[in-house]
Amino acid sequence: MVRVGINGFGRIGRLALRAAFGNPEIKIVHINELAGGPDTAAHLLEFDSVHGRWRVPIAANAHGLNVQGERIGYSNVDAPWKAPWV
């Protein structure tokens, strides 16, 4: 299994997570994004103006996201090497 961290959670980062999620060979473990926080990330992940609503249970907390029961860490550091890629 490949463990993946996403640096930048704009449209491409969110769509990459949607595409990879559910693939047994890929596990998204962390997101690093400067703008917003976990609440904003959860909302934007669920609702996309082009691709529509992603009907997967998504919740945010102080430490990151919970997507369909899978924990994904979250940070907002300005340099990728500073992120706690768990």
C-alpha atoms as a PDB file:
ATOM      1  CA  MET A   1       0.000   0.000   0.000  1.00  0.00           C
ATOM      2  CA  VAL A   2       1.221   3.475  -0.897  1.00  0.00           C
ATOM      3  CA  ARG A   3       0.720   6.156   1.755  1.00  0.00           C
ATOM      4  CA  VAL A   4       0.071   9.564   0.213  1.00  0.00           C
ATOM      5  CA  GLY A   5       0.237  13.105   1.564  1.00  0.00           C
ATOM      6  CA  ILE A   6      -1.371  15.942  -0.374  1.00  0.00           C
ATOM      7  CA  ASN A   7       0.358  19.315  -0.316  1.00  0.00           C
ATOM      8  CA  GLY A   8      -2.216  21.856  -1.484  1.00  0.00           C
ATOM      9  CA  PHE A   9      -5.903  21.131  -1.232  1.00  0.00           C
ATOM     10  CA  GLY A  10      -7.281  23.229  -4.065  1.00  0.00           C
ATOM     11  CA  ARG A  11      -9.460  21.678  -6.740  1.00  0.00           C
ATOM     12  CA  ILE A  12      -6.707  19.326  -7.958  1.00  0.00           C
ATOM     13  CA  GLY A  13      -5.836  18.135  -4.451  1.00  0.00           C
ATOM     14  CA  ARG A  14      -9.487  17.529  -3.609  1.00  0.00           C
ATOM     15  CA  LEU A  15     -10.164  15.680  -6.855  1.00  0.00           C
ATOM     16  CA  ALA A  16      -7.012  13.599  -6.351  1.00  0.00           C
ATOM     17  CA  LEU A  17      -8.317  12.550  -2.939  1.00  0.00           C
ATOM     18  CA  ARG A  18     -11.730  11.703  -4.400  1.00  0.00           C
ATOM     19  CA  ALA A  19     -10.143   9.646  -7.183  1.00  0.00           C
ATOM     20  CA  ALA A  20      -7.751   7.775  -4.892  1.00  0.00           C
ATOM     21  CA  PHE A  21     -10.192   7.162  -2.054  1.00  0.00           C
ATOM     22  CA  GLY A  22     -11.422   3.594  -1.946  1.00  0.00           C
ATOM     23  CA  ASN A  23      -8.469   2.244  -3.902  1.00  0.00           C
ATOM     24  CA  PRO A  24      -7.014  -0.532  -1.712  1.00  0.00           C
ATOM     25  CA  GLU A  25      -3.499   0.268  -2.946  1.00  0.00           C
ATOM     26  CA  ILE A  26      -3.608   3.939  -1.843  1.00  0.00           C
ATOM     27  CA  LYS A  27      -4.095   5.471   1.600  1.00  0.00           C
ATOM     28  CA  ILE A  28      -4.338   9.254   1.963  1.00  0.00           C
ATOM     29  CA  VAL A  29      -2.739  10.010   5.324  1.00  0.00           C
ATOM     30  CA  HIS A  30      -2.236  13.781   5.454  1.00  0.00           C
ATOM     31  CA  ILE A  31      -3.220  17.094   3.864  1.00  0.00           C
ATOM     32  CA  ASN A  32      -1.186  20.290   4.083  1.00  0.00           C
ATOM     33  CA  GLU A  33      -3.049  23.440   3.016  1.00  0.00           C
ATOM     34  CA  LEU A  34      -2.348  27.058   3.908  1.00  0.00           C
ATOM     35  CA  ALA A  35      -5.818  28.485   3.279  1.00  0.00           C
ATOM     36  CA  GLY A  36      -8.676  27.629   5.594  1.00  0.00           C
ATOM     37  CA  GLY A  37      -8.704  24.766   8.039  1.00  0.00           C
ATOM     38  CA  PRO A  38     -10.177  21.296   8.396  1.00  0.00           C
ATOM     39  CA  ASP A  39     -13.772  22.603   8.436  1.00  0.00           C
ATOM     40  CA  THR A  40     -13.275  24.463   5.164  1.00  0.00           C
ATOM     41  CA  ALA A  41     -11.456  21.496   3.622  1.00  0.00           C
ATOM     42  CA  ALA A  42     -14.284  19.125   4.580  1.00  0.00           C
ATOM     43  CA  HIS A  43     -16.906  21.418   3.067  1.00  0.00           C
ATOM     44  CA  LEU A  44     -14.998  21.949  -0.188  1.00  0.00           C
ATOM     45  CA  LEU A  45     -14.267  18.223  -0.457  1.00  0.00           C
ATOM     46  CA  GLU A  46     -17.950  17.388  -0.175  1.00  0.00           C
ATOM     47  CA  PHE A  47     -19.280  20.105  -2.500  1.00  0.00           C
ATOM     48  CA  ASP A  48     -17.687  20.750  -5.914  1.00  0.00           C
ATOM     49  CA  SER A  49     -19.281  23.183  -8.352  1.00  0.00           C
ATOM     50  CA  VAL A  50     -18.365  21.058 -11.392  1.00  0.00           C
ATOM     51  CA  HIS A  51     -18.291  17.466 -10.137  1.00  0.00           C
ATOM     52  CA  GLY A  52     -21.160  17.812  -7.696  1.00  0.00           C
ATOM     53  CA  ARG A  53     -21.623  16.553  -4.185  1.00  0.00           C
ATOM     54  CA  TRP A  54     -19.435  13.687  -3.007  1.00  0.00           C
ATOM     55  CA  ARG A  55     -21.770  11.454  -1.056  1.00  0.00           C
ATOM     56  CA  VAL A  56     -19.218  10.069   1.362  1.00  0.00           C
ATOM     57  CA  PRO A  57     -19.446  10.793   5.106  1.00  0.00           C
ATOM     58  CA  ILE A  58     -16.972  13.596   5.867  1.00  0.00           C
ATOM     59  CA  ALA A  59     -16.316  15.204   9.251  1.00  0.00           C
ATOM     60  CA  ALA A  60     -13.716  17.686  10.441  1.00  0.00           C
ATOM     61  CA  ASN A  61     -12.042  18.048  13.810  1.00  0.00           C
ATOM     62  CA  ALA A  62      -9.077  19.992  15.187  1.00  0.00           C
ATOM     63  CA  HIS A  63      -6.614  17.364  13.946  1.00  0.00           C
ATOM     64  CA  GLY A  64      -7.893  16.753  10.450  1.00  0.00           C
ATOM     65  CA  LEU A  65     -10.605  15.022   8.510  1.00  0.00           C
ATOM     66  CA  ASN A  66     -12.496  11.816   8.932  1.00  0.00           C
ATOM     67  CA  VAL A  67     -13.597  10.497   5.559  1.00  0.00           C
ATOM     68  CA  GLN A  68     -15.833   7.451   5.744  1.00  0.00           C
ATOM     69  CA  GLY A  69     -14.168   6.410   8.998  1.00  0.00           C
ATOM     70  CA  GLU A  70     -10.593   6.977   7.795  1.00  0.00           C
ATOM     71  CA  ARG A  71      -8.564   9.606   9.639  1.00  0.00           C
ATOM     72  CA  ILE A  72      -6.594  12.052   7.489  1.00  0.00           C
ATOM     73  CA  GLY A  73      -4.212  14.419   9.279  1.00  0.00           C
ATOM     74  CA  TYR A  74      -4.218  18.132   8.470  1.00  0.00           C
ATOM     75  CA  SER A  75      -1.677  20.918   8.755  1.00  0.00           C
ATOM     76  CA  ASN A  76      -1.186  24.414   7.385  1.00  0.00           C
ATOM     77  CA  VAL A  77       2.552  24.991   7.234  1.00  0.00           C
ATOM     78  CA  ASP A  78       4.222  27.102   4.560  1.00  0.00           C
ATOM     79  CA  ALA A  79       6.885  24.573   3.556  1.00  0.00           C
ATOM     80  CA  PRO A  80       6.141  20.921   2.723  1.00  0.00           C
ATOM     81  CA  TRP A  81       9.145  19.640   4.662  1.00  0.00           C
ATOM     82  CA  LYS A  82       7.691  21.174   7.856  1.00  0.00           C
ATOM     83  CA  ALA A  83       4.429  19.215   7.635  1.00  0.00           C
ATOM     84  CA  PRO A  84       3.985  16.239   9.966  1.00  0.00           C
ATOM     85  CA  TRP A  85       3.506  13.706   7.181  1.00  0.00           C
ATOM     86  CA  VAL A  86       2.110  10.903   9.325  1.00  0.00           C
END
